[in-house]
Amino acid sequence: MLLTDLTPPECTECGQLARLVPYVRSYRRGGRVLAVESGTWECAGCPDPLTGARPFRFADAPLLRWTDARAAELWSERFGEPLPPSERGKRSKPPRTERVPVMLTRAELARLDAKRGDLTRSDYLRKAI
């Protein structure tokens, strides 16, 4: 599947279809780094709900899955081995393999940040689960 075959999602702010813009993601494993040409979704008409900057850019689950699959393919071609697992979250058991994009309003994010204390947002949400 090509990146351009992905179905554009609706902007969570205005409901219009987002457009795909090029973006390079880096995959670092030990001392090796792989740059993967991917993209982000963009709604030029809306400001980012967190920063107010325009355009509003975001990624959704299908785009993240496509990028991860492409990274695995390119890693194998370049280094002759499967893409090693990320060392982020290495301490957690079992390994985390599922991404969950979550969109919050500014007020919800402010409440989350006020409640989480010294924990990262991810750790606070995991603890709540």
Protein backbone atom coordinates (compact mmCIF):
# COMPACT_ATOMS: atom_id res chain seq x y z
CA MET A 1 0.00 0.00 0.00
CA LEU A 2 1.22 3.48 -0.81
CA LEU A 3 1.09 6.37 1.60
CA THR A 4 -1.20 8.19 -0.80
CA ASP A 5 -3.67 5.26 -0.62
CA LEU A 6 -4.60 6.16 2.98
CA THR A 7 -8.07 7.66 3.43
CA PRO A 8 -7.84 11.24 4.69
CA PRO A 9 -9.49 11.63 8.09
CA GLU A 10 -11.80 14.46 9.04
CA CYS A 11 -10.31 17.32 11.05
CA THR A 12 -11.45 16.97 14.64
CA GLU A 13 -11.99 20.72 14.85
CA CYS A 14 -13.99 21.56 11.70
CA GLY A 15 -14.99 18.21 10.15
CA GLN A 16 -13.34 18.93 6.79
CA LEU A 17 -11.06 16.34 5.20
CA ALA A 18 -7.40 16.77 6.11
CA ARG A 19 -4.66 16.67 3.49
CA LEU A 20 -1.44 14.68 3.62
CA VAL A 21 1.80 16.67 3.79
CA PRO A 22 5.32 15.17 3.69
CA TYR A 23 7.07 14.56 6.99
CA VAL A 24 10.19 12.58 7.87
CA ARG A 25 10.10 10.39 10.98
CA SER A 26 13.27 9.02 12.58
CA TYR A 27 13.64 5.56 14.05
CA ARG A 28 16.61 5.27 16.41
CA ARG A 29 17.85 1.93 17.68
CA GLY A 30 21.10 2.08 19.58
CA GLY A 31 23.55 4.08 17.47
CA ARG A 32 21.63 3.56 14.23
CA VAL A 33 19.07 5.99 12.87
CA LEU A 34 16.69 5.47 9.96
CA ALA A 35 14.80 8.37 8.37
CA VAL A 36 11.42 7.34 6.95
CA GLU A 37 9.59 9.57 4.50
CA SER A 38 6.02 9.65 5.74
CA GLY A 39 3.50 12.39 6.32
CA THR A 40 1.17 14.15 8.70
CA TRP A 41 -2.43 15.16 8.21
CA GLU A 42 -3.03 18.88 8.00
CA CYS A 43 -6.06 21.12 8.19
CA ALA A 44 -4.96 24.52 6.92
CA GLY A 45 -8.15 26.19 8.13
CA CYS A 46 -7.87 25.29 11.79
CA PRO A 47 -5.42 26.32 14.50
CA ASP A 48 -3.77 23.66 16.63
CA PRO A 49 -6.08 23.26 19.65
CA LEU A 50 -3.09 23.21 22.02
CA THR A 51 -0.84 25.95 20.66
CA GLY A 52 -3.08 28.03 18.40
CA ALA A 53 -0.47 27.69 15.61
CA ARG A 54 -1.63 27.17 12.06
CA PRO A 55 -1.96 24.80 10.33
CA PHE A 56 -3.32 22.08 12.58
CA ARG A 57 -1.18 18.95 12.00
CA PHE A 58 -1.89 15.49 13.40
CA ALA A 59 -1.42 11.76 12.82
CA ASP A 60 -4.05 9.04 13.06
CA ALA A 61 -3.74 5.31 13.72
CA PRO A 62 -3.71 4.19 10.03
CA LEU A 63 -0.93 6.68 9.24
CA LEU A 64 1.12 5.55 12.25
CA ARG A 65 0.68 1.87 11.28
CA TRP A 66 1.71 2.60 7.68
CA THR A 67 4.81 4.50 8.84
CA ASP A 68 5.82 1.73 11.26
CA ALA A 69 5.41 -0.92 8.54
CA ARG A 70 7.46 1.15 6.10
CA ALA A 71 10.17 1.64 8.74
CA ALA A 72 10.35 -2.12 9.33
CA GLU A 73 10.70 -2.72 5.59
CA LEU A 74 13.41 -0.07 5.12
CA TRP A 75 15.30 -1.17 8.25
CA SER A 76 15.47 -4.72 6.95
CA GLU A 77 16.74 -3.51 3.56
CA ARG A 78 19.39 -1.23 5.05
CA PHE A 79 20.63 -3.24 8.01
CA GLY A 80 19.79 -6.80 6.96
CA GLU A 81 17.82 -7.56 10.13
CA PRO A 82 14.34 -6.96 11.50
CA LEU A 83 13.67 -3.59 13.10
CA PRO A 84 14.59 -4.01 16.78
CA PRO A 85 11.88 -3.08 19.27
CA SER A 86 11.94 0.41 20.66
CA GLU A 87 13.71 0.74 23.98
CA ARG A 88 11.16 3.30 25.14
CA GLY A 89 9.04 1.71 27.80
CA LYS A 90 11.62 -1.08 28.11
CA ARG A 91 10.91 -1.34 31.83
CA SER A 92 7.26 -2.15 31.29
CA LYS A 93 6.00 -5.70 31.04
CA PRO A 94 4.46 -6.82 28.74
CA PRO A 95 5.83 -4.67 25.91
CA ARG A 96 3.51 -1.95 24.67
CA THR A 97 2.57 -2.51 21.05
CA GLU A 98 -0.68 -0.57 20.58
CA ARG A 99 -0.94 3.16 19.89
CA VAL A 100 -4.01 5.10 20.92
CA PRO A 101 -4.24 8.62 19.50
CA VAL A 102 -6.36 10.73 21.85
CA MET A 103 -7.67 14.19 21.08
CA LEU A 104 -8.52 16.42 24.04
CA THR A 105 -9.90 19.91 24.35
CA ARG A 106 -7.69 22.56 25.93
CA ALA A 107 -9.76 22.37 29.11
CA GLU A 108 -9.43 18.56 29.28
CA LEU A 109 -5.69 18.78 28.72
CA ALA A 110 -5.36 21.40 31.45
CA ARG A 111 -7.27 19.13 33.88
CA LEU A 112 -5.05 16.19 32.91
CA ASP A 113 -1.89 18.22 33.45
CA ALA A 114 -3.16 19.50 36.82
CA LYS A 115 -3.93 15.97 38.05
CA ARG A 116 -0.86 14.11 36.76
CA GLY A 117 1.72 15.82 38.99
CA ASP A 118 5.24 14.62 38.15
CA LEU A 119 4.02 11.73 35.98
CA THR A 120 4.13 11.97 32.21
CA ARG A 121 0.76 12.18 30.52
CA SER A 122 1.17 8.60 29.25
CA ASP A 123 2.12 7.25 32.68
CA TYR A 124 -0.80 9.05 34.33
CA LEU A 125 -3.27 7.61 31.82
CA ARG A 126 -1.79 4.11 32.18
CA LYS A 127 -2.10 4.40 35.96
CA ALA A 128 -5.75 5.45 35.59
CA ILE A 129 -6.42 2.31 33.53
